[in-house]
Amino acid sequence: NALSQDQAGNAGTETPATTTSLPSPEQLEELVGRMALYPDDLIGIILPASTFPLQVVQAVRYLKLHDADPALPADDEWDDSIVALLNYPEVLQMMDTDLDWTWELGTAVLNQEAEVMNAIQRFRQRAFAAGNLVSDDKQIVSNEGGAIVIRSADPEVLYIPSYEPEEVIVYQSRPVYRYYPVA
């Protein structure tokens, strides 16, 4: 009898903290929006790097120290994706400034990689349909088998776009898609 009372007393008492819910497709699309229009090569670095938020913080600190001492070596223990992002300080700074976002993205990459990739494609489709994602002298945008691919126009130079996710997915009468000033 005591066992049945205990079972009845615990029924339905699972707390939200013990329940892990994965982000919906809409939430994932919102999550990836700030970098979904980056070139594919850069997204291929950002996604795995987001799974190492502590190393992102360390890399940003390293870049500040590296400015004062260019001979300072990068940490041998860092993931290759973090080392690759050292070439894109704007991206590292964005990830460091909003560590909650970086953490959420990294968690989504680890738990829902295919869904994250689908969310990037949905966001790109919306920006393309709105007329805000086009080829220019810095990037080539193509539709390959239903997937929008973004490549650098010059294989030696990568330009990082700057945009507001909410603006780029709806038609705008003025340009809303720019690039950071340094390639």
N, C-alpha and C. Protein backbone atom coordinates (compact mmCIF):
# COMPACT_ATOMS: atom_id res chain seq x y z
N ASN A 1 0.82 -1.18 0.00
CA ASN A 1 0.00 0.00 0.00
C ASN A 1 0.87 1.25 0.00
N ALA A 2 1.97 1.25 0.75
CA ALA A 2 2.86 2.41 0.79
C ALA A 2 3.47 2.66 -0.58
N LEU A 3 3.78 1.58 -1.31
CA LEU A 3 4.35 1.72 -2.64
C LEU A 3 3.36 2.38 -3.58
N SER A 4 2.12 1.97 -3.54
CA SER A 4 1.13 2.55 -4.44
C SER A 4 0.87 4.02 -4.11
N GLN A 5 0.96 4.42 -2.82
CA GLN A 5 0.79 5.83 -2.47
C GLN A 5 1.98 6.64 -2.99
N ASP A 6 3.18 6.09 -2.89
CA ASP A 6 4.37 6.78 -3.38
C ASP A 6 4.29 6.98 -4.89
N GLN A 7 3.87 5.92 -5.59
CA GLN A 7 3.75 6.03 -7.05
C GLN A 7 2.71 7.08 -7.40
N ALA A 8 1.58 7.10 -6.69
CA ALA A 8 0.53 8.07 -6.96
C ALA A 8 1.00 9.48 -6.64
N GLY A 9 1.78 9.62 -5.57
CA GLY A 9 2.27 10.94 -5.18
C GLY A 9 3.28 11.51 -6.16
N ASN A 10 4.01 10.67 -6.87
CA ASN A 10 5.02 11.14 -7.81
C ASN A 10 4.50 11.26 -9.24
N ALA A 11 3.31 10.79 -9.49
CA ALA A 11 2.78 10.83 -10.85
C ALA A 11 2.61 12.28 -11.29
N GLY A 12 3.12 12.60 -12.46
CA GLY A 12 2.95 13.93 -13.03
C GLY A 12 3.75 15.02 -12.34
N THR A 13 4.78 14.67 -11.58
CA THR A 13 5.55 15.70 -10.90
C THR A 13 6.87 16.01 -11.60
N GLU A 14 7.03 15.55 -12.83
CA GLU A 14 8.25 15.85 -13.55
C GLU A 14 8.33 17.35 -13.78
N THR A 15 9.45 17.94 -13.45
CA THR A 15 9.59 19.39 -13.59
C THR A 15 10.15 19.75 -14.95
N PRO A 16 9.90 20.96 -15.43
CA PRO A 16 10.45 21.37 -16.71
C PRO A 16 11.96 21.28 -16.76
N ALA A 17 12.63 21.44 -15.63
CA ALA A 17 14.10 21.38 -15.61
C ALA A 17 14.61 20.01 -16.00
N THR A 18 13.81 18.98 -15.79
CA THR A 18 14.26 17.64 -16.14
C THR A 18 13.78 17.24 -17.53
N THR A 19 12.96 18.06 -18.15
CA THR A 19 12.46 17.77 -19.48
C THR A 19 13.23 18.63 -20.47
N THR A 20 13.88 18.00 -21.42
CA THR A 20 14.61 18.74 -22.43
C THR A 20 13.76 18.82 -23.68
N SER A 21 13.40 20.02 -24.09
CA SER A 21 12.66 20.18 -25.31
C SER A 21 13.57 20.81 -26.35
N LEU A 22 13.53 20.26 -27.53
CA LEU A 22 14.36 20.76 -28.61
C LEU A 22 13.67 21.94 -29.27
N PRO A 23 14.45 22.90 -29.78
CA PRO A 23 13.84 24.05 -30.46
C PRO A 23 13.03 23.61 -31.68
N SER A 24 11.96 24.32 -31.92
CA SER A 24 11.10 24.06 -33.08
C SER A 24 11.82 24.54 -34.34
N PRO A 25 11.33 24.14 -35.52
CA PRO A 25 11.94 24.65 -36.76
C PRO A 25 11.95 26.18 -36.83
N GLU A 26 10.88 26.81 -36.35
CA GLU A 26 10.81 28.28 -36.36
C GLU A 26 11.86 28.88 -35.41
N GLN A 27 12.02 28.27 -34.25
CA GLN A 27 13.02 28.75 -33.30
C GLN A 27 14.43 28.57 -33.84
N LEU A 28 14.66 27.46 -34.52
CA LEU A 28 15.98 27.24 -35.12
C LEU A 28 16.25 28.26 -36.22
N GLU A 29 15.23 28.57 -37.02
CA GLU A 29 15.41 29.56 -38.08
C GLU A 29 15.75 30.92 -37.49
N GLU A 30 15.10 31.29 -36.41
CA GLU A 30 15.43 32.54 -35.73
C GLU A 30 16.84 32.49 -35.16
N LEU A 31 17.23 31.35 -34.62
CA LEU A 31 18.55 31.18 -34.03
C LEU A 31 19.66 31.35 -35.08
N VAL A 32 19.50 30.76 -36.25
CA VAL A 32 20.55 30.79 -37.26
C VAL A 32 20.50 32.04 -38.14
N GLY A 33 19.45 32.83 -38.00
CA GLY A 33 19.24 33.98 -38.87
C GLY A 33 20.40 34.94 -38.96
N ARG A 34 21.09 35.18 -37.86
CA ARG A 34 22.17 36.18 -37.87
C ARG A 34 23.39 35.75 -38.66
N MET A 35 23.49 34.44 -38.99
CA MET A 35 24.67 34.02 -39.78
C MET A 35 24.28 33.14 -40.96
N ALA A 36 23.01 32.95 -41.21
CA ALA A 36 22.56 32.05 -42.27
C ALA A 36 22.97 32.51 -43.66
N LEU A 37 23.22 33.81 -43.83
CA LEU A 37 23.58 34.33 -45.15
C LEU A 37 25.09 34.48 -45.32
N TYR A 38 25.85 33.98 -44.37
CA TYR A 38 27.29 33.96 -44.52
C TYR A 38 27.65 32.91 -45.57
N PRO A 39 28.81 33.05 -46.20
CA PRO A 39 29.25 32.03 -47.16
C PRO A 39 29.32 30.64 -46.51
N ASP A 40 29.05 29.63 -47.30
CA ASP A 40 29.01 28.26 -46.80
C ASP A 40 30.30 27.87 -46.09
N ASP A 41 31.44 28.30 -46.63
CA ASP A 41 32.72 27.95 -46.00
C ASP A 41 32.80 28.49 -44.57
N LEU A 42 32.29 29.68 -44.35
CA LEU A 42 32.32 30.27 -43.02
C LEU A 42 31.32 29.59 -42.09
N ILE A 43 30.15 29.27 -42.60
CA ILE A 43 29.17 28.54 -41.78
C ILE A 43 29.74 27.19 -41.36
N GLY A 44 30.51 26.58 -42.26
CA GLY A 44 31.15 25.31 -41.95
C GLY A 44 32.18 25.41 -40.83
N ILE A 45 32.60 26.61 -40.51
CA ILE A 45 33.52 26.84 -39.39
C ILE A 45 32.73 27.24 -38.14
N ILE A 46 31.74 28.10 -38.32
CA ILE A 46 30.97 28.63 -37.19
C ILE A 46 30.21 27.52 -36.45
N LEU A 47 29.56 26.64 -37.19
CA LEU A 47 28.73 25.62 -36.54
C LEU A 47 29.53 24.75 -35.57
N PRO A 48 30.65 24.15 -35.98
CA PRO A 48 31.40 23.36 -34.99
C PRO A 48 32.03 24.23 -33.90
N ALA A 49 32.44 25.46 -34.25
CA ALA A 49 33.03 26.35 -33.24
C ALA A 49 32.03 26.71 -32.15
N SER A 50 30.76 26.77 -32.50
CA SER A 50 29.74 27.13 -31.51
C SER A 50 29.61 26.07 -30.42
N THR A 51 30.12 24.89 -30.66
CA THR A 51 30.06 23.84 -29.65
C THR A 51 31.19 23.98 -28.62
N PHE A 52 32.02 25.01 -28.78
CA PHE A 52 33.13 25.28 -27.86
C PHE A 52 33.06 26.74 -27.37
N PRO A 53 32.00 27.13 -26.66
CA PRO A 53 31.85 28.53 -26.26
C PRO A 53 33.00 29.05 -25.39
N LEU A 54 33.56 28.24 -24.53
CA LEU A 54 34.67 28.69 -23.70
C LEU A 54 35.88 29.03 -24.57
N GLN A 55 36.12 28.22 -25.58
CA GLN A 55 37.23 28.49 -26.49
C GLN A 55 36.99 29.75 -27.32
N VAL A 56 35.73 30.06 -27.60
CA VAL A 56 35.40 31.31 -28.29
C VAL A 56 35.87 32.49 -27.43
N VAL A 57 35.54 32.46 -26.14
CA VAL A 57 35.96 33.52 -25.22
C VAL A 57 37.48 33.61 -25.17
N GLN A 58 38.13 32.47 -25.06
CA GLN A 58 39.59 32.46 -25.00
C GLN A 58 40.20 33.02 -26.30
N ALA A 59 39.60 32.70 -27.43
CA ALA A 59 40.11 33.17 -28.73
C ALA A 59 39.98 34.69 -28.85
N VAL A 60 38.89 35.25 -28.36
CA VAL A 60 38.73 36.71 -28.40
C VAL A 60 39.77 37.36 -27.51
N ARG A 61 40.00 36.81 -26.34
CA ARG A 61 41.04 37.35 -25.45
C ARG A 61 42.41 37.22 -26.11
N TYR A 62 42.65 36.10 -26.76
CA TYR A 62 43.91 35.88 -27.46
C TYR A 62 44.12 36.95 -28.54
N LEU A 63 43.08 37.25 -29.31
CA LEU A 63 43.22 38.25 -30.37
C LEU A 63 43.62 39.61 -29.81
N LYS A 64 43.09 39.97 -28.66
CA LYS A 64 43.46 41.24 -28.03
C LYS A 64 44.94 41.22 -27.61
N LEU A 65 45.38 40.11 -27.05
CA LEU A 65 46.78 39.98 -26.65
C LEU A 65 47.70 39.90 -27.87
N HIS A 66 47.21 39.26 -28.92
CA HIS A 66 47.98 39.09 -30.15
C HIS A 66 48.26 40.43 -30.82
N ASP A 67 47.34 41.38 -30.67
CA ASP A 67 47.58 42.72 -31.22
C ASP A 67 48.81 43.35 -30.60
N ALA A 68 48.99 43.14 -29.30
CA ALA A 68 50.16 43.69 -28.59
C ALA A 68 51.42 42.88 -28.84
N ASP A 69 51.26 41.56 -29.04
CA ASP A 69 52.40 40.67 -29.23
C ASP A 69 52.11 39.71 -30.38
N PRO A 70 52.40 40.11 -31.62
CA PRO A 70 52.10 39.27 -32.79
C PRO A 70 52.79 37.90 -32.79
N ALA A 71 53.80 37.72 -31.97
CA ALA A 71 54.50 36.43 -31.90
C ALA A 71 53.77 35.43 -31.00
N LEU A 72 52.74 35.89 -30.30
CA LEU A 72 52.01 35.03 -29.37
C LEU A 72 51.31 33.90 -30.14
N PRO A 73 51.61 32.64 -29.79
CA PRO A 73 50.99 31.52 -30.52
C PRO A 73 49.57 31.24 -30.01
N ALA A 74 48.76 30.66 -30.89
CA ALA A 74 47.41 30.23 -30.50
C ALA A 74 47.54 28.98 -29.62
N ASP A 75 46.51 28.72 -28.85
CA ASP A 75 46.50 27.57 -27.95
C ASP A 75 46.40 26.27 -28.76
N ASP A 76 47.33 25.35 -28.52
CA ASP A 76 47.35 24.07 -29.22
C ASP A 76 46.14 23.20 -28.89
N GLU A 77 45.49 23.47 -27.78
CA GLU A 77 44.35 22.66 -27.34
C GLU A 77 43.02 23.08 -27.99
N TRP A 78 43.00 24.22 -28.66
CA TRP A 78 41.75 24.68 -29.27
C TRP A 78 41.34 23.79 -30.42
N ASP A 79 40.04 23.68 -30.60
CA ASP A 79 39.50 22.97 -31.74
C ASP A 79 39.91 23.69 -33.03
N ASP A 80 40.07 22.94 -34.11
CA ASP A 80 40.47 23.53 -35.39
C ASP A 80 39.51 24.62 -35.85
N SER A 81 38.22 24.48 -35.55
CA SER A 81 37.25 25.49 -35.98
C SER A 81 37.49 26.82 -35.26
N ILE A 82 37.91 26.77 -34.01
CA ILE A 82 38.22 28.00 -33.27
C ILE A 82 39.45 28.66 -33.87
N VAL A 83 40.47 27.87 -34.16
CA VAL A 83 41.69 28.41 -34.78
C VAL A 83 41.35 29.04 -36.13
N ALA A 84 40.50 28.40 -36.90
CA ALA A 84 40.10 28.96 -38.20
C ALA A 84 39.36 30.28 -38.03
N LEU A 85 38.56 30.41 -36.98
CA LEU A 85 37.82 31.66 -36.76
C LEU A 85 38.71 32.82 -36.36
N LEU A 86 39.96 32.55 -35.99
CA LEU A 86 40.88 33.65 -35.69
C LEU A 86 41.05 34.57 -36.90
N ASN A 87 40.79 34.04 -38.09
CA ASN A 87 40.86 34.83 -39.32
C ASN A 87 39.64 35.74 -39.48
N TYR A 88 38.63 35.56 -38.67
CA TYR A 88 37.38 36.31 -38.78
C TYR A 88 37.03 36.92 -37.42
N PRO A 89 37.79 37.93 -36.99
CA PRO A 89 37.58 38.49 -35.66
C PRO A 89 36.17 39.04 -35.44
N GLU A 90 35.53 39.54 -36.51
CA GLU A 90 34.16 40.04 -36.36
C GLU A 90 33.21 38.93 -35.93
N VAL A 91 33.41 37.76 -36.49
CA VAL A 91 32.55 36.62 -36.16
C VAL A 91 32.83 36.15 -34.74
N LEU A 92 34.10 36.04 -34.38
CA LEU A 92 34.43 35.66 -33.01
C LEU A 92 33.85 36.66 -32.01
N GLN A 93 33.95 37.94 -32.33
CA GLN A 93 33.42 38.97 -31.44
C GLN A 93 31.91 38.83 -31.30
N MET A 94 31.21 38.57 -32.41
CA MET A 94 29.77 38.37 -32.36
C MET A 94 29.42 37.19 -31.45
N MET A 95 30.15 36.11 -31.59
CA MET A 95 29.89 34.91 -30.79
C MET A 95 30.20 35.15 -29.32
N ASP A 96 31.25 35.91 -29.05
CA ASP A 96 31.65 36.21 -27.68
C ASP A 96 30.68 37.20 -27.02
N THR A 97 30.22 38.17 -27.77
CA THR A 97 29.33 39.19 -27.23
C THR A 97 28.00 38.59 -26.79
N ASP A 98 27.54 37.57 -27.51
CA ASP A 98 26.27 36.92 -27.17
C ASP A 98 26.52 35.43 -26.94
N LEU A 99 27.11 35.13 -25.78
CA LEU A 99 27.45 33.74 -25.47
C LEU A 99 26.21 32.86 -25.30
N ASP A 100 25.09 33.44 -24.88
CA ASP A 100 23.85 32.65 -24.80
C ASP A 100 23.48 32.14 -26.18
N TRP A 101 23.59 33.02 -27.18
CA TRP A 101 23.29 32.61 -28.55
C TRP A 101 24.27 31.52 -29.00
N THR A 102 25.55 31.74 -28.73
CA THR A 102 26.57 30.76 -29.12
C THR A 102 26.29 29.42 -28.47
N TRP A 103 25.95 29.44 -27.19
CA TRP A 103 25.63 28.20 -26.46
C TRP A 103 24.41 27.51 -27.08
N GLU A 104 23.36 28.28 -27.36
CA GLU A 104 22.15 27.70 -27.95
C GLU A 104 22.44 27.11 -29.33
N LEU A 105 23.22 27.83 -30.12
CA LEU A 105 23.58 27.32 -31.45
C LEU A 105 24.39 26.04 -31.32
N GLY A 106 25.38 26.02 -30.45
CA GLY A 106 26.20 24.83 -30.25
C GLY A 106 25.38 23.65 -29.78
N THR A 107 24.44 23.89 -28.88
CA THR A 107 23.56 22.82 -28.40
C THR A 107 22.70 22.29 -29.53
N ALA A 108 22.18 23.20 -30.34
CA ALA A 108 21.36 22.78 -31.48
C ALA A 108 22.19 21.98 -32.49
N VAL A 109 23.42 22.42 -32.72
CA VAL A 109 24.30 21.70 -33.65
C VAL A 109 24.55 20.28 -33.14
N LEU A 110 24.79 20.14 -31.86
CA LEU A 110 25.05 18.82 -31.29
C LEU A 110 23.81 17.92 -31.29
N ASN A 111 22.64 18.50 -31.07
CA ASN A 111 21.42 17.70 -30.92
C ASN A 111 20.54 17.63 -32.15
N GLN A 112 20.68 18.61 -33.05
CA GLN A 112 19.77 18.69 -34.19
C GLN A 112 20.50 19.19 -35.45
N GLU A 113 21.61 18.62 -35.76
CA GLU A 113 22.43 19.13 -36.86
C GLU A 113 21.66 19.25 -38.18
N ALA A 114 20.94 18.23 -38.55
CA ALA A 114 20.19 18.27 -39.81
C ALA A 114 19.14 19.37 -39.78
N GLU A 115 18.46 19.53 -38.65
CA GLU A 115 17.44 20.57 -38.53
C GLU A 115 18.06 21.96 -38.59
N VAL A 116 19.27 22.13 -38.04
CA VAL A 116 19.97 23.41 -38.12
C VAL A 116 20.26 23.74 -39.58
N MET A 117 20.75 22.76 -40.32
CA MET A 117 21.04 22.98 -41.74
C MET A 117 19.76 23.31 -42.51
N ASN A 118 18.68 22.64 -42.18
CA ASN A 118 17.40 22.94 -42.83
C ASN A 118 16.94 24.36 -42.50
N ALA A 119 17.15 24.80 -41.26
CA ALA A 119 16.76 26.15 -40.86
C ALA A 119 17.57 27.19 -41.63
N ILE A 120 18.84 26.92 -41.85
CA ILE A 120 19.67 27.84 -42.64
C ILE A 120 19.11 27.95 -44.05
N GLN A 121 18.75 26.82 -44.63
CA GLN A 121 18.18 26.84 -45.99
C GLN A 121 16.85 27.57 -46.04
N ARG A 122 15.99 27.37 -45.04
CA ARG A 122 14.71 28.08 -45.03
C ARG A 122 14.93 29.59 -44.93
N PHE A 123 15.86 30.00 -44.08
CA PHE A 123 16.15 31.43 -43.94
C PHE A 123 16.68 31.98 -45.26
N ARG A 124 17.59 31.26 -45.90
CA ARG A 124 18.13 31.69 -47.18
C ARG A 124 17.03 31.79 -48.24
N GLN A 125 16.13 30.82 -48.26
CA GLN A 125 15.03 30.85 -49.22
C GLN A 125 14.19 32.10 -49.03
N ARG A 126 13.93 32.46 -47.79
CA ARG A 126 13.12 33.65 -47.50
C ARG A 126 13.85 34.92 -47.95
N ALA A 127 15.15 35.02 -47.68
CA ALA A 127 15.92 36.20 -48.09
C ALA A 127 16.02 36.28 -49.61
N PHE A 128 16.17 35.13 -50.25
CA PHE A 128 16.25 35.07 -51.71
C PHE A 128 14.92 35.50 -52.32
N ALA A 129 13.82 34.96 -51.80
CA ALA A 129 12.50 35.30 -52.30
C ALA A 129 12.18 36.78 -52.11
N ALA A 130 12.72 37.39 -51.06
CA ALA A 130 12.50 38.82 -50.80
C ALA A 130 13.38 39.70 -51.69
N GLY A 131 14.30 39.08 -52.44
CA GLY A 131 15.18 39.84 -53.33
C GLY A 131 16.40 40.41 -52.65
N ASN A 132 16.69 39.96 -51.44
CA ASN A 132 17.81 40.51 -50.70
C ASN A 132 19.05 39.62 -50.70
N LEU A 133 18.99 38.48 -51.33
CA LEU A 133 20.14 37.58 -51.41
C LEU A 133 20.44 37.34 -52.88
N VAL A 134 21.45 38.05 -53.38
CA VAL A 134 21.79 37.98 -54.80
C VAL A 134 23.30 37.90 -54.96
N SER A 135 23.72 37.45 -56.12
CA SER A 135 25.15 37.45 -56.43
C SER A 135 25.61 38.89 -56.65
N ASP A 136 26.86 39.15 -56.30
CA ASP A 136 27.46 40.45 -56.56
C ASP A 136 28.97 40.25 -56.72
N ASP A 137 29.73 41.33 -56.62
CA ASP A 137 31.18 41.21 -56.83
C ASP A 137 31.89 40.53 -55.67
N LYS A 138 31.19 40.29 -54.55
CA LYS A 138 31.81 39.66 -53.38
C LYS A 138 31.37 38.22 -53.15
N GLN A 139 30.20 37.86 -53.66
CA GLN A 139 29.70 36.50 -53.43
C GLN A 139 28.88 36.01 -54.62
N ILE A 140 28.82 34.71 -54.72
CA ILE A 140 28.00 34.06 -55.76
C ILE A 140 26.93 33.26 -55.05
N VAL A 141 25.69 33.56 -55.37
CA VAL A 141 24.54 32.86 -54.80
C VAL A 141 23.94 31.99 -55.90
N SER A 142 23.80 30.70 -55.62
CA SER A 142 23.23 29.80 -56.62
C SER A 142 22.26 28.84 -55.95
N ASN A 143 21.36 28.31 -56.76
CA ASN A 143 20.40 27.32 -56.30
C ASN A 143 20.82 26.00 -56.92
N GLU A 144 21.29 25.10 -56.08
CA GLU A 144 21.79 23.81 -56.57
C GLU A 144 20.93 22.70 -56.01
N GLY A 145 20.02 22.21 -56.84
CA GLY A 145 19.15 21.13 -56.43
C GLY A 145 18.21 21.51 -55.30
N GLY A 146 17.77 22.76 -55.28
CA GLY A 146 16.87 23.22 -54.24
C GLY A 146 17.56 23.80 -53.03
N ALA A 147 18.88 23.71 -52.96
CA ALA A 147 19.64 24.27 -51.84
C ALA A 147 20.34 25.55 -52.31
N ILE A 148 20.19 26.60 -51.54
CA ILE A 148 20.87 27.85 -51.88
C ILE A 148 22.29 27.77 -51.33
N VAL A 149 23.24 27.97 -52.24
CA VAL A 149 24.66 27.91 -51.92
C VAL A 149 25.24 29.31 -52.04
N ILE A 150 26.04 29.71 -51.07
CA ILE A 150 26.69 31.02 -51.08
C ILE A 150 28.19 30.78 -51.06
N ARG A 151 28.86 31.27 -52.11
CA ARG A 151 30.30 31.12 -52.24
C ARG A 151 30.94 32.48 -52.40
N SER A 152 32.19 32.58 -52.03
CA SER A 152 32.94 33.80 -52.24
C SER A 152 33.22 33.95 -53.74
N ALA A 153 33.11 35.16 -54.25
CA ALA A 153 33.39 35.41 -55.66
C ALA A 153 34.88 35.24 -55.95
N ASP A 154 35.71 35.52 -54.97
CA ASP A 154 37.15 35.36 -55.08
C ASP A 154 37.57 34.29 -54.08
N PRO A 155 38.11 33.18 -54.52
CA PRO A 155 38.47 32.11 -53.59
C PRO A 155 39.53 32.50 -52.56
N GLU A 156 40.23 33.60 -52.79
CA GLU A 156 41.27 34.06 -51.87
C GLU A 156 40.74 35.03 -50.82
N VAL A 157 39.53 35.56 -51.02
CA VAL A 157 38.99 36.60 -50.14
C VAL A 157 37.57 36.23 -49.74
N LEU A 158 37.28 36.39 -48.47
CA LEU A 158 35.94 36.10 -47.96
C LEU A 158 35.38 37.37 -47.33
N TYR A 159 34.24 37.82 -47.84
CA TYR A 159 33.56 38.97 -47.27
C TYR A 159 32.43 38.47 -46.39
N ILE A 160 32.30 39.10 -45.22
CA ILE A 160 31.26 38.71 -44.28
C ILE A 160 30.12 39.72 -44.38
N PRO A 161 28.92 39.25 -44.69
CA PRO A 161 27.81 40.18 -44.79
C PRO A 161 27.35 40.68 -43.42
N SER A 162 26.77 41.86 -43.46
CA SER A 162 26.20 42.47 -42.26
C SER A 162 24.75 42.80 -42.59
N TYR A 163 23.83 42.28 -41.79
CA TYR A 163 22.41 42.49 -42.07
C TYR A 163 21.61 42.27 -40.81
N GLU A 164 20.40 42.77 -40.81
CA GLU A 164 19.45 42.52 -39.73
C GLU A 164 18.55 41.38 -40.20
N PRO A 165 18.53 40.27 -39.48
CA PRO A 165 17.74 39.13 -39.93
C PRO A 165 16.27 39.46 -40.21
N GLU A 166 15.67 40.33 -39.39
CA GLU A 166 14.25 40.65 -39.58
C GLU A 166 14.02 41.43 -40.87
N GLU A 167 15.00 42.21 -41.30
CA GLU A 167 14.86 43.03 -42.50
C GLU A 167 15.14 42.27 -43.78
N VAL A 168 16.07 41.36 -43.74
CA VAL A 168 16.55 40.72 -44.96
C VAL A 168 15.57 39.67 -45.50
N ILE A 169 14.63 39.23 -44.70
CA ILE A 169 13.70 38.19 -45.15
C ILE A 169 12.38 38.74 -45.68
N VAL A 170 12.27 40.07 -45.73
CA VAL A 170 11.10 40.71 -46.33
C VAL A 170 11.57 41.71 -47.37
N TYR A 171 10.74 41.95 -48.36
CA TYR A 171 11.10 42.89 -49.41
C TYR A 171 11.40 44.26 -48.82
N GLN A 172 12.48 44.87 -49.30
CA GLN A 172 12.87 46.21 -48.87
C GLN A 172 13.11 47.05 -50.12
N SER A 173 12.72 48.31 -50.05
CA SER A 173 12.93 49.19 -51.20
C SER A 173 14.36 49.73 -51.24
N ARG A 174 15.09 49.59 -50.14
CA ARG A 174 16.48 50.02 -50.09
C ARG A 174 17.35 48.82 -49.73
N PRO A 175 18.62 48.85 -50.08
CA PRO A 175 19.51 47.73 -49.74
C PRO A 175 19.63 47.55 -48.22
N VAL A 176 19.52 46.32 -47.77
CA VAL A 176 19.67 46.00 -46.34
C VAL A 176 20.77 44.98 -46.10
N TYR A 177 21.48 44.66 -47.15
CA TYR A 177 22.51 43.64 -47.10
C TYR A 177 23.83 44.32 -47.43
N ARG A 178 24.74 44.39 -46.46
CA ARG A 178 26.03 45.05 -46.61
C ARG A 178 27.13 44.07 -46.22
N TYR A 179 28.37 44.53 -46.31
CA TYR A 179 29.51 43.71 -45.90
C TYR A 179 30.34 44.47 -44.87
N TYR A 180 30.99 43.72 -44.02
CA TYR A 180 31.96 44.34 -43.12
C TYR A 180 33.03 44.97 -43.98
N PRO A 181 33.62 46.10 -43.56
CA PRO A 181 34.56 46.82 -44.40
C PRO A 181 35.86 46.07 -44.72
N VAL A 182 36.27 45.16 -43.86
CA VAL A 182 37.52 44.45 -44.09
C VAL A 182 37.23 43.03 -44.57
N ALA A 183 37.86 42.66 -45.67
CA ALA A 183 37.65 41.31 -46.21
C ALA A 183 38.33 40.29 -45.32
